[in-house]
Amino acid sequence: MESTSSASVTPIAPFVIAPASLAAAFAAVPDPRRAASVHYPLAAVLALAVTALLANHRSVLAIAEWGARQERSLLRALGFPSGRTPCQSTLHRLFRQVDGDALAAALTAHITPGAAPPHRERNAWSGVAIDGKAQRGRLRFGGGGCPIHALSAVCHASGLVLAHEPVTRNGDKAEAELSVAPALVARLDWRERVLTGAALFCQ
């Protein structure tokens, strides 16, 4: 008897992504799902999440509900040619599987070229500041501190975040940030750049 398991899988229509679009960075992120189970392109799902977050829809449920309410023209622009978007459970499962380091690396590679001043003077180096921030207002603080805490590298001239590294260690905030600083620095191309930061990072 022949298997019919693939009969219900609808192939994803090709979608053209502009090279300058953030979706181009998302397209470089490895998809953790089996090809046979992919109904929504990963780049489209990530673009949907970012767009919904910018519209102040900050939970997985809110992102799913926001996507379901949008016009087909907007959804096509995000990479959903069928006009259908994933539900909350699909988003939750996928977000748990996506490799955060691979996503951060793809975003850094996409953003970094635009962070250099267009007419920098000869022999002038650009500054990059590193600093830790807790994201307030998204999730409640618990006994271990802020649930979302990251160390970021920001270009002085452009204001762009070149890279960030999550801080997952509990306890002293300064020690936690120092523990992830080497990983953040390793993400960046330091040619013609100088690092700035608080006295904490002299260590």
N, C-alpha and C. Protein backbone atom coordinates (compact mmCIF):
# COMPACT_ATOMS: atom_id res chain seq x y z
N MET A 1 0.85 -1.19 0.00
CA MET A 1 0.00 0.00 0.00
C MET A 1 0.89 1.24 0.00
N GLU A 2 0.57 2.19 -0.84
CA GLU A 2 1.36 3.40 -0.93
C GLU A 2 0.98 4.37 0.19
N SER A 3 1.98 5.07 0.68
CA SER A 3 1.71 6.04 1.74
C SER A 3 1.04 7.28 1.17
N THR A 4 0.10 7.83 1.92
CA THR A 4 -0.59 9.06 1.49
C THR A 4 -0.33 10.20 2.45
N SER A 5 0.72 10.05 3.29
CA SER A 5 0.97 11.06 4.32
C SER A 5 1.34 12.40 3.73
N SER A 6 1.94 12.41 2.53
CA SER A 6 2.36 13.67 1.94
C SER A 6 1.27 14.33 1.13
N ALA A 7 0.12 13.68 0.99
CA ALA A 7 -0.93 14.23 0.13
C ALA A 7 -1.51 15.52 0.69
N SER A 8 -1.50 15.66 2.02
CA SER A 8 -2.11 16.83 2.63
C SER A 8 -1.16 18.01 2.74
N VAL A 9 0.10 17.82 2.38
CA VAL A 9 1.09 18.89 2.49
C VAL A 9 1.04 19.76 1.24
N THR A 10 0.73 21.03 1.43
CA THR A 10 0.66 21.97 0.32
C THR A 10 2.01 22.63 0.15
N PRO A 11 2.63 22.52 -1.03
CA PRO A 11 3.94 23.14 -1.23
C PRO A 11 3.86 24.65 -1.08
N ILE A 12 4.91 25.21 -0.52
CA ILE A 12 4.96 26.66 -0.31
C ILE A 12 5.34 27.34 -1.61
N ALA A 13 4.54 28.32 -2.00
CA ALA A 13 4.83 29.06 -3.23
C ALA A 13 6.10 29.88 -3.05
N PRO A 14 6.92 29.99 -4.10
CA PRO A 14 8.13 30.79 -3.98
C PRO A 14 7.81 32.25 -3.68
N PHE A 15 8.62 32.86 -2.85
CA PHE A 15 8.38 34.24 -2.44
C PHE A 15 9.67 35.01 -2.62
N VAL A 16 9.61 36.11 -3.34
CA VAL A 16 10.79 36.92 -3.63
C VAL A 16 11.02 37.90 -2.48
N ILE A 17 12.22 37.89 -1.93
CA ILE A 17 12.56 38.77 -0.81
C ILE A 17 13.58 39.80 -1.27
N ALA A 18 13.30 41.08 -1.03
CA ALA A 18 14.24 42.14 -1.37
C ALA A 18 15.49 42.01 -0.50
N PRO A 19 16.68 42.13 -1.10
CA PRO A 19 17.91 41.94 -0.32
C PRO A 19 18.04 42.88 0.87
N ALA A 20 17.50 44.11 0.76
CA ALA A 20 17.63 45.06 1.85
C ALA A 20 16.61 44.84 2.95
N SER A 21 15.63 43.97 2.72
CA SER A 21 14.58 43.75 3.70
C SER A 21 15.09 42.93 4.88
N LEU A 22 14.49 43.18 6.05
CA LEU A 22 14.82 42.38 7.22
C LEU A 22 14.47 40.92 6.99
N ALA A 23 13.49 40.67 6.12
CA ALA A 23 13.12 39.30 5.80
C ALA A 23 14.27 38.55 5.16
N ALA A 24 15.19 39.27 4.51
CA ALA A 24 16.36 38.63 3.91
C ALA A 24 17.24 38.03 5.00
N ALA A 25 17.35 38.71 6.12
CA ALA A 25 18.11 38.16 7.25
C ALA A 25 17.40 36.95 7.82
N PHE A 26 16.08 37.03 7.94
CA PHE A 26 15.32 35.90 8.46
C PHE A 26 15.44 34.68 7.55
N ALA A 27 15.56 34.90 6.24
CA ALA A 27 15.68 33.79 5.31
C ALA A 27 16.97 33.02 5.50
N ALA A 28 17.96 33.64 6.15
CA ALA A 28 19.25 32.98 6.38
C ALA A 28 19.26 32.14 7.66
N VAL A 29 18.18 32.19 8.44
CA VAL A 29 18.12 31.45 9.69
C VAL A 29 17.71 30.01 9.39
N PRO A 30 18.44 29.02 9.90
CA PRO A 30 18.09 27.62 9.65
C PRO A 30 16.71 27.28 10.20
N ASP A 31 15.93 26.58 9.41
CA ASP A 31 14.59 26.16 9.83
C ASP A 31 14.71 24.83 10.57
N PRO A 32 14.29 24.75 11.83
CA PRO A 32 14.46 23.51 12.60
C PRO A 32 13.42 22.44 12.28
N ARG A 33 12.43 22.75 11.47
CA ARG A 33 11.34 21.80 11.21
C ARG A 33 11.69 20.84 10.08
N ARG A 34 11.01 19.68 10.07
CA ARG A 34 11.11 18.77 8.94
C ARG A 34 10.41 19.39 7.74
N ALA A 35 10.99 19.22 6.56
CA ALA A 35 10.45 19.85 5.36
C ALA A 35 8.99 19.48 5.13
N ALA A 36 8.62 18.25 5.46
CA ALA A 36 7.26 17.78 5.22
C ALA A 36 6.24 18.45 6.13
N SER A 37 6.70 19.03 7.24
CA SER A 37 5.77 19.64 8.19
C SER A 37 5.73 21.16 8.10
N VAL A 38 6.41 21.73 7.12
CA VAL A 38 6.46 23.19 6.99
C VAL A 38 5.26 23.68 6.18
N HIS A 39 4.40 24.45 6.83
CA HIS A 39 3.26 25.06 6.15
C HIS A 39 3.45 26.57 6.00
N TYR A 40 4.27 27.16 6.85
CA TYR A 40 4.53 28.60 6.80
C TYR A 40 6.05 28.82 6.78
N PRO A 41 6.56 29.61 5.83
CA PRO A 41 8.00 29.85 5.78
C PRO A 41 8.50 30.49 7.08
N LEU A 42 9.65 30.07 7.54
CA LEU A 42 10.20 30.62 8.78
C LEU A 42 10.41 32.13 8.67
N ALA A 43 10.91 32.60 7.53
CA ALA A 43 11.14 34.04 7.35
C ALA A 43 9.84 34.81 7.50
N ALA A 44 8.74 34.26 6.98
CA ALA A 44 7.44 34.93 7.09
C ALA A 44 6.96 34.97 8.53
N VAL A 45 7.15 33.87 9.25
CA VAL A 45 6.72 33.81 10.66
C VAL A 45 7.49 34.83 11.50
N LEU A 46 8.80 34.92 11.27
CA LEU A 46 9.61 35.88 12.03
C LEU A 46 9.23 37.31 11.66
N ALA A 47 8.95 37.56 10.38
CA ALA A 47 8.51 38.89 9.95
C ALA A 47 7.17 39.25 10.58
N LEU A 48 6.28 38.27 10.65
CA LEU A 48 4.99 38.49 11.31
C LEU A 48 5.19 38.86 12.77
N ALA A 49 6.08 38.16 13.45
CA ALA A 49 6.31 38.42 14.87
C ALA A 49 6.84 39.83 15.08
N VAL A 50 7.81 40.24 14.27
CA VAL A 50 8.40 41.58 14.42
C VAL A 50 7.35 42.66 14.14
N THR A 51 6.57 42.47 13.10
CA THR A 51 5.56 43.46 12.74
C THR A 51 4.50 43.58 13.83
N ALA A 52 4.07 42.44 14.38
CA ALA A 52 3.08 42.47 15.45
C ALA A 52 3.64 43.13 16.71
N LEU A 53 4.91 42.85 17.03
CA LEU A 53 5.53 43.48 18.19
C LEU A 53 5.60 44.99 18.03
N LEU A 54 5.92 45.45 16.81
CA LEU A 54 5.95 46.89 16.55
C LEU A 54 4.58 47.52 16.69
N ALA A 55 3.53 46.72 16.50
CA ALA A 55 2.16 47.19 16.68
C ALA A 55 1.67 46.98 18.11
N ASN A 56 2.63 46.69 19.02
CA ASN A 56 2.36 46.55 20.46
C ASN A 56 1.57 45.29 20.81
N HIS A 57 1.73 44.25 20.04
CA HIS A 57 1.13 42.95 20.36
C HIS A 57 2.28 42.06 20.84
N ARG A 58 2.40 41.90 22.16
CA ARG A 58 3.65 41.44 22.74
C ARG A 58 3.65 39.99 23.22
N SER A 59 2.54 39.31 23.19
CA SER A 59 2.52 37.91 23.58
C SER A 59 2.35 37.03 22.34
N VAL A 60 2.64 35.74 22.48
CA VAL A 60 2.47 34.82 21.35
C VAL A 60 1.00 34.79 20.91
N LEU A 61 0.09 34.79 21.88
CA LEU A 61 -1.34 34.82 21.54
C LEU A 61 -1.70 36.09 20.79
N ALA A 62 -1.21 37.23 21.27
CA ALA A 62 -1.52 38.50 20.61
C ALA A 62 -0.95 38.56 19.19
N ILE A 63 0.24 37.99 18.99
CA ILE A 63 0.84 37.95 17.65
C ILE A 63 -0.03 37.13 16.72
N ALA A 64 -0.48 35.96 17.20
CA ALA A 64 -1.32 35.10 16.37
C ALA A 64 -2.64 35.78 16.03
N GLU A 65 -3.26 36.42 17.01
CA GLU A 65 -4.54 37.10 16.76
C GLU A 65 -4.37 38.28 15.83
N TRP A 66 -3.27 39.02 15.98
CA TRP A 66 -3.01 40.16 15.10
C TRP A 66 -2.86 39.68 13.66
N GLY A 67 -2.10 38.61 13.46
CA GLY A 67 -1.90 38.09 12.11
C GLY A 67 -3.20 37.65 11.47
N ALA A 68 -4.08 37.02 12.26
CA ALA A 68 -5.35 36.51 11.72
C ALA A 68 -6.28 37.64 11.28
N ARG A 69 -6.06 38.85 11.79
CA ARG A 69 -6.95 39.98 11.46
C ARG A 69 -6.48 40.79 10.25
N GLN A 70 -5.30 40.53 9.73
CA GLN A 70 -4.73 41.40 8.72
C GLN A 70 -5.26 41.11 7.31
N GLU A 71 -5.18 42.13 6.45
CA GLU A 71 -5.60 42.01 5.06
C GLU A 71 -4.66 41.06 4.32
N ARG A 72 -5.19 40.41 3.28
CA ARG A 72 -4.38 39.47 2.50
C ARG A 72 -3.18 40.16 1.86
N SER A 73 -3.35 41.43 1.46
CA SER A 73 -2.24 42.13 0.81
C SER A 73 -1.06 42.29 1.76
N LEU A 74 -1.34 42.60 3.03
CA LEU A 74 -0.26 42.72 4.01
C LEU A 74 0.38 41.37 4.27
N LEU A 75 -0.45 40.34 4.39
CA LEU A 75 0.08 39.01 4.66
C LEU A 75 0.94 38.51 3.50
N ARG A 76 0.54 38.83 2.28
CA ARG A 76 1.39 38.46 1.13
C ARG A 76 2.73 39.16 1.20
N ALA A 77 2.72 40.43 1.61
CA ALA A 77 3.97 41.19 1.72
C ALA A 77 4.88 40.60 2.80
N LEU A 78 4.28 40.01 3.83
CA LEU A 78 5.07 39.38 4.90
C LEU A 78 5.56 37.99 4.52
N GLY A 79 4.99 37.42 3.44
CA GLY A 79 5.43 36.09 3.01
C GLY A 79 4.41 34.99 3.18
N PHE A 80 3.13 35.37 3.35
CA PHE A 80 2.04 34.39 3.47
C PHE A 80 1.13 34.50 2.24
N PRO A 81 1.51 33.87 1.12
CA PRO A 81 0.73 34.04 -0.12
C PRO A 81 -0.69 33.50 -0.02
N SER A 82 -0.94 32.55 0.88
CA SER A 82 -2.28 31.98 1.00
C SER A 82 -3.21 32.88 1.81
N GLY A 83 -2.64 33.88 2.50
CA GLY A 83 -3.46 34.74 3.34
C GLY A 83 -3.76 34.15 4.70
N ARG A 84 -3.21 32.98 5.01
CA ARG A 84 -3.40 32.32 6.29
C ARG A 84 -2.13 32.44 7.12
N THR A 85 -2.30 32.59 8.43
CA THR A 85 -1.16 32.74 9.33
C THR A 85 -1.24 31.68 10.42
N PRO A 86 -0.11 31.37 11.07
CA PRO A 86 -0.10 30.32 12.09
C PRO A 86 -0.86 30.70 13.34
N CYS A 87 -1.38 29.69 14.02
CA CYS A 87 -2.10 29.90 15.28
C CYS A 87 -1.10 30.00 16.43
N GLN A 88 -1.61 30.26 17.62
CA GLN A 88 -0.76 30.45 18.79
C GLN A 88 0.11 29.23 19.07
N SER A 89 -0.46 28.03 19.04
CA SER A 89 0.31 26.84 19.38
C SER A 89 1.42 26.59 18.37
N THR A 90 1.15 26.86 17.10
CA THR A 90 2.19 26.70 16.07
C THR A 90 3.33 27.67 16.31
N LEU A 91 2.99 28.93 16.60
CA LEU A 91 4.02 29.92 16.88
C LEU A 91 4.84 29.53 18.10
N HIS A 92 4.16 29.08 19.13
CA HIS A 92 4.85 28.72 20.37
C HIS A 92 5.84 27.60 20.14
N ARG A 93 5.42 26.56 19.42
CA ARG A 93 6.32 25.43 19.15
C ARG A 93 7.51 25.87 18.31
N LEU A 94 7.26 26.69 17.30
CA LEU A 94 8.34 27.11 16.41
C LEU A 94 9.33 28.02 17.12
N PHE A 95 8.85 28.96 17.91
CA PHE A 95 9.74 29.87 18.61
C PHE A 95 10.63 29.12 19.60
N ARG A 96 10.13 28.03 20.17
CA ARG A 96 10.94 27.23 21.09
C ARG A 96 12.04 26.48 20.35
N GLN A 97 11.82 26.18 19.06
CA GLN A 97 12.78 25.39 18.29
C GLN A 97 13.85 26.23 17.60
N VAL A 98 13.53 27.48 17.28
CA VAL A 98 14.47 28.30 16.52
C VAL A 98 15.76 28.51 17.31
N ASP A 99 16.89 28.40 16.63
CA ASP A 99 18.20 28.59 17.23
C ASP A 99 18.44 30.10 17.43
N GLY A 100 18.42 30.53 18.69
CA GLY A 100 18.59 31.95 18.99
C GLY A 100 19.94 32.50 18.56
N ASP A 101 20.99 31.68 18.68
CA ASP A 101 22.32 32.14 18.27
C ASP A 101 22.37 32.33 16.75
N ALA A 102 21.75 31.42 16.00
CA ALA A 102 21.74 31.55 14.55
C ALA A 102 20.93 32.77 14.11
N LEU A 103 19.83 33.03 14.80
CA LEU A 103 19.03 34.21 14.49
C LEU A 103 19.81 35.48 14.78
N ALA A 104 20.49 35.53 15.93
CA ALA A 104 21.30 36.71 16.27
C ALA A 104 22.42 36.93 15.27
N ALA A 105 23.07 35.84 14.85
CA ALA A 105 24.16 35.96 13.88
C ALA A 105 23.65 36.47 12.53
N ALA A 106 22.48 36.00 12.10
CA ALA A 106 21.91 36.44 10.83
C ALA A 106 21.56 37.92 10.88
N LEU A 107 21.00 38.37 12.01
CA LEU A 107 20.65 39.78 12.14
C LEU A 107 21.89 40.66 12.19
N THR A 108 22.91 40.20 12.91
CA THR A 108 24.16 40.97 12.98
C THR A 108 24.78 41.11 11.60
N ALA A 109 24.84 40.03 10.83
CA ALA A 109 25.42 40.08 9.49
C ALA A 109 24.62 41.01 8.58
N HIS A 110 23.31 41.08 8.79
CA HIS A 110 22.45 41.92 7.95
C HIS A 110 22.57 43.40 8.31
N ILE A 111 22.68 43.69 9.61
CA ILE A 111 22.64 45.08 10.07
C ILE A 111 24.00 45.76 10.03
N THR A 112 25.07 45.01 10.30
CA THR A 112 26.40 45.60 10.45
C THR A 112 26.85 46.45 9.26
N PRO A 113 26.66 46.02 7.99
CA PRO A 113 27.13 46.86 6.88
C PRO A 113 26.50 48.25 6.86
N GLY A 114 25.29 48.39 7.35
CA GLY A 114 24.63 49.69 7.35
C GLY A 114 24.98 50.56 8.53
N ALA A 115 25.79 50.03 9.44
CA ALA A 115 26.12 50.78 10.65
C ALA A 115 27.34 51.68 10.49
N ALA A 116 28.11 51.50 9.42
CA ALA A 116 29.30 52.33 9.21
C ALA A 116 28.89 53.69 8.66
N PRO A 117 29.42 54.79 9.20
CA PRO A 117 29.11 56.10 8.65
C PRO A 117 29.48 56.16 7.17
N PRO A 118 28.61 56.71 6.30
CA PRO A 118 28.86 56.68 4.86
C PRO A 118 30.08 57.48 4.41
N HIS A 119 30.43 58.54 5.14
CA HIS A 119 31.54 59.39 4.71
C HIS A 119 32.51 59.59 5.87
N ARG A 120 32.96 58.48 6.43
CA ARG A 120 33.86 58.57 7.58
C ARG A 120 35.23 59.10 7.15
N GLU A 121 35.77 59.96 7.98
CA GLU A 121 37.09 60.52 7.68
C GLU A 121 38.14 59.41 7.70
N ARG A 122 39.20 59.64 6.93
CA ARG A 122 40.27 58.65 6.86
C ARG A 122 40.91 58.47 8.23
N ASN A 123 41.15 57.22 8.59
CA ASN A 123 41.78 56.84 9.85
C ASN A 123 40.90 57.12 11.08
N ALA A 124 39.62 57.49 10.86
CA ALA A 124 38.71 57.71 11.98
C ALA A 124 37.99 56.40 12.30
N TRP A 125 38.01 56.02 13.55
CA TRP A 125 37.38 54.77 13.96
C TRP A 125 35.98 55.06 14.50
N SER A 126 35.05 54.13 14.29
CA SER A 126 33.70 54.30 14.82
C SER A 126 33.60 53.62 16.18
N GLY A 127 32.78 54.18 17.05
CA GLY A 127 32.62 53.65 18.39
C GLY A 127 31.45 52.69 18.50
N VAL A 128 31.62 51.69 19.35
CA VAL A 128 30.56 50.74 19.64
C VAL A 128 30.45 50.63 21.16
N ALA A 129 29.27 50.94 21.68
CA ALA A 129 29.04 50.90 23.13
C ALA A 129 28.39 49.59 23.53
N ILE A 130 28.84 49.01 24.64
CA ILE A 130 28.17 47.82 25.16
C ILE A 130 27.52 48.17 26.49
N ASP A 131 26.33 47.64 26.68
CA ASP A 131 25.59 47.94 27.91
C ASP A 131 24.52 46.88 28.12
N GLY A 132 24.22 46.61 29.36
CA GLY A 132 23.18 45.64 29.68
C GLY A 132 21.87 46.33 30.00
N LYS A 133 20.76 45.74 29.56
CA LYS A 133 19.44 46.32 29.81
C LYS A 133 18.45 45.22 30.15
N ALA A 134 17.58 45.52 31.10
CA ALA A 134 16.46 44.65 31.41
C ALA A 134 15.23 45.21 30.72
N GLN A 135 14.49 44.35 30.05
CA GLN A 135 13.29 44.80 29.33
C GLN A 135 12.12 44.87 30.29
N ARG A 136 11.80 46.06 30.70
CA ARG A 136 10.70 46.27 31.64
C ARG A 136 9.39 46.43 30.87
N GLY A 137 8.30 46.02 31.51
CA GLY A 137 7.00 46.22 30.91
C GLY A 137 6.50 45.06 30.07
N ARG A 138 7.33 44.05 29.80
CA ARG A 138 6.89 42.91 29.00
C ARG A 138 6.44 41.75 29.89
N LEU A 139 7.29 41.36 30.82
CA LEU A 139 6.98 40.24 31.71
C LEU A 139 7.23 40.67 33.15
N ARG A 140 6.57 40.01 34.07
CA ARG A 140 6.72 40.37 35.48
C ARG A 140 8.08 39.93 36.03
N PHE A 141 8.61 40.74 36.91
CA PHE A 141 9.86 40.39 37.59
C PHE A 141 9.56 39.31 38.62
N GLY A 142 10.46 38.35 38.71
CA GLY A 142 10.31 37.29 39.70
C GLY A 142 11.42 37.37 40.73
N GLY A 143 11.57 36.30 41.50
CA GLY A 143 12.60 36.29 42.52
C GLY A 143 14.00 36.33 41.95
N GLY A 144 14.18 35.86 40.70
CA GLY A 144 15.50 35.86 40.08
C GLY A 144 15.82 37.11 39.30
N GLY A 145 14.95 38.13 39.39
CA GLY A 145 15.19 39.36 38.66
C GLY A 145 14.37 39.44 37.39
N CYS A 146 14.85 40.23 36.43
CA CYS A 146 14.11 40.45 35.19
C CYS A 146 14.11 39.19 34.33
N PRO A 147 12.95 38.80 33.77
CA PRO A 147 12.91 37.59 32.95
C PRO A 147 13.60 37.76 31.60
N ILE A 148 13.76 39.00 31.14
CA ILE A 148 14.44 39.25 29.87
C ILE A 148 15.53 40.28 30.10
N HIS A 149 16.77 39.87 30.03
CA HIS A 149 17.92 40.71 30.30
C HIS A 149 18.97 40.39 29.25
N ALA A 150 19.50 41.42 28.58
CA ALA A 150 20.45 41.18 27.50
C ALA A 150 21.57 42.21 27.55
N LEU A 151 22.71 41.82 27.02
CA LEU A 151 23.84 42.72 26.84
C LEU A 151 23.90 43.07 25.36
N SER A 152 23.93 44.37 25.04
CA SER A 152 23.85 44.80 23.65
C SER A 152 25.06 45.62 23.24
N ALA A 153 25.35 45.60 21.94
CA ALA A 153 26.40 46.43 21.35
C ALA A 153 25.74 47.38 20.37
N VAL A 154 25.92 48.69 20.59
CA VAL A 154 25.24 49.72 19.80
C VAL A 154 26.27 50.61 19.13
N CYS A 155 26.06 50.86 17.83
CA CYS A 155 26.96 51.75 17.08
C CYS A 155 26.68 53.20 17.46
N HIS A 156 27.70 53.95 17.84
CA HIS A 156 27.54 55.35 18.23
C HIS A 156 26.92 56.17 17.10
N ALA A 157 27.46 56.03 15.90
CA ALA A 157 27.09 56.92 14.80
C ALA A 157 25.68 56.68 14.29
N SER A 158 25.28 55.43 14.19
CA SER A 158 23.98 55.13 13.58
C SER A 158 22.89 54.82 14.59
N GLY A 159 23.29 54.47 15.82
CA GLY A 159 22.29 54.08 16.81
C GLY A 159 21.76 52.68 16.62
N LEU A 160 22.34 51.91 15.69
CA LEU A 160 21.87 50.55 15.42
C LEU A 160 22.44 49.57 16.44
N VAL A 161 21.62 48.63 16.86
CA VAL A 161 22.09 47.54 17.71
C VAL A 161 22.75 46.51 16.80
N LEU A 162 24.05 46.34 16.95
CA LEU A 162 24.81 45.43 16.08
C LEU A 162 24.67 43.98 16.53
N ALA A 163 24.53 43.77 17.82
CA ALA A 163 24.42 42.40 18.34
C ALA A 163 23.95 42.48 19.78
N HIS A 164 23.37 41.39 20.25
CA HIS A 164 23.04 41.31 21.66
C HIS A 164 23.17 39.86 22.11
N GLU A 165 23.38 39.71 23.39
CA GLU A 165 23.58 38.39 23.98
C GLU A 165 22.68 38.29 25.21
N PRO A 166 21.83 37.26 25.30
CA PRO A 166 20.96 37.13 26.46
C PRO A 166 21.76 36.85 27.73
N VAL A 167 21.31 37.44 28.82
CA VAL A 167 21.90 37.21 30.13
C VAL A 167 20.97 36.28 30.88
N THR A 168 21.39 35.05 31.10
CA THR A 168 20.53 34.05 31.73
C THR A 168 20.96 33.72 33.15
N ARG A 169 22.12 34.20 33.55
CA ARG A 169 22.63 33.87 34.88
C ARG A 169 21.94 34.72 35.94
N ASN A 170 21.46 34.09 37.00
CA ASN A 170 20.84 34.81 38.11
C ASN A 170 21.92 35.32 39.08
N GLY A 171 21.48 36.18 39.99
CA GLY A 171 22.41 36.69 40.98
C GLY A 171 22.84 38.11 40.66
N ASP A 172 24.09 38.42 40.96
CA ASP A 172 24.60 39.78 40.79
C ASP A 172 24.53 40.21 39.32
N LYS A 173 23.91 41.36 39.07
CA LYS A 173 23.71 41.84 37.70
C LYS A 173 25.04 42.10 36.99
N ALA A 174 25.98 42.74 37.68
CA ALA A 174 27.27 43.05 37.06
C ALA A 174 28.02 41.78 36.66
N GLU A 175 28.06 40.81 37.55
CA GLU A 175 28.76 39.56 37.24
C GLU A 175 28.07 38.82 36.09
N ALA A 176 26.74 38.88 36.07
CA ALA A 176 26.01 38.21 34.99
C ALA A 176 26.34 38.83 33.63
N GLU A 177 26.43 40.16 33.58
CA GLU A 177 26.76 40.82 32.32
C GLU A 177 28.19 40.54 31.89
N LEU A 178 29.10 40.52 32.87
CA LEU A 178 30.50 40.21 32.55
C LEU A 178 30.64 38.80 32.01
N SER A 179 29.80 37.90 32.48
CA SER A 179 29.92 36.50 32.06
C SER A 179 29.58 36.30 30.59
N VAL A 180 28.73 37.17 30.02
CA VAL A 180 28.34 37.01 28.62
C VAL A 180 29.05 38.00 27.69
N ALA A 181 29.80 38.95 28.27
CA ALA A 181 30.49 39.96 27.45
C ALA A 181 31.43 39.34 26.41
N PRO A 182 32.23 38.31 26.74
CA PRO A 182 33.11 37.73 25.72
C PRO A 182 32.35 37.18 24.51
N ALA A 183 31.19 36.57 24.76
CA ALA A 183 30.39 36.03 23.64
C ALA A 183 29.86 37.16 22.77
N LEU A 184 29.45 38.28 23.38
CA LEU A 184 28.97 39.43 22.61
C LEU A 184 30.09 40.01 21.75
N VAL A 185 31.25 40.20 22.36
CA VAL A 185 32.39 40.77 21.62
C VAL A 185 32.78 39.87 20.45
N ALA A 186 32.68 38.56 20.65
CA ALA A 186 33.06 37.61 19.60
C ALA A 186 32.12 37.68 18.39
N ARG A 187 30.92 38.21 18.57
CA ARG A 187 29.97 38.30 17.46
C ARG A 187 30.32 39.42 16.47
N LEU A 188 31.15 40.36 16.86
CA LEU A 188 31.33 41.59 16.09
C LEU A 188 32.62 41.60 15.28
N ASP A 189 32.56 42.31 14.18
CA ASP A 189 33.74 42.58 13.37
C ASP A 189 34.33 43.89 13.90
N TRP A 190 35.53 43.81 14.48
CA TRP A 190 36.09 44.98 15.16
C TRP A 190 37.03 45.82 14.31
N ARG A 191 37.13 45.53 13.03
CA ARG A 191 37.99 46.35 12.18
C ARG A 191 37.49 47.79 12.15
N GLU A 192 38.36 48.74 12.44
CA GLU A 192 38.08 50.18 12.45
C GLU A 192 36.97 50.55 13.44
N ARG A 193 36.91 49.81 14.54
CA ARG A 193 35.95 50.12 15.59
C ARG A 193 36.67 50.13 16.94
N VAL A 194 36.12 50.92 17.86
CA VAL A 194 36.65 50.96 19.22
C VAL A 194 35.50 50.71 20.19
N LEU A 195 35.75 49.90 21.21
CA LEU A 195 34.74 49.52 22.16
C LEU A 195 34.66 50.53 23.30
N THR A 196 33.46 50.92 23.67
CA THR A 196 33.25 51.79 24.83
C THR A 196 32.25 51.11 25.76
N GLY A 197 32.32 51.48 27.03
CA GLY A 197 31.40 50.90 27.98
C GLY A 197 31.65 51.45 29.36
N ALA A 198 30.83 51.04 30.31
CA ALA A 198 30.99 51.48 31.69
C ALA A 198 32.26 50.86 32.29
N ALA A 199 32.66 51.41 33.44
CA ALA A 199 33.88 50.92 34.10
C ALA A 199 33.81 49.43 34.40
N LEU A 200 32.60 48.91 34.54
CA LEU A 200 32.42 47.49 34.79
C LEU A 200 33.18 46.63 33.78
N PHE A 201 33.16 47.06 32.52
CA PHE A 201 33.73 46.23 31.46
C PHE A 201 35.23 46.36 31.32
N CYS A 202 35.86 47.18 32.16
CA CYS A 202 37.32 47.19 32.20
C CYS A 202 37.85 45.86 32.73
N GLN A 203 36.99 45.10 33.36
CA GLN A 203 37.42 43.80 33.90
C GLN A 203 37.49 42.74 32.81
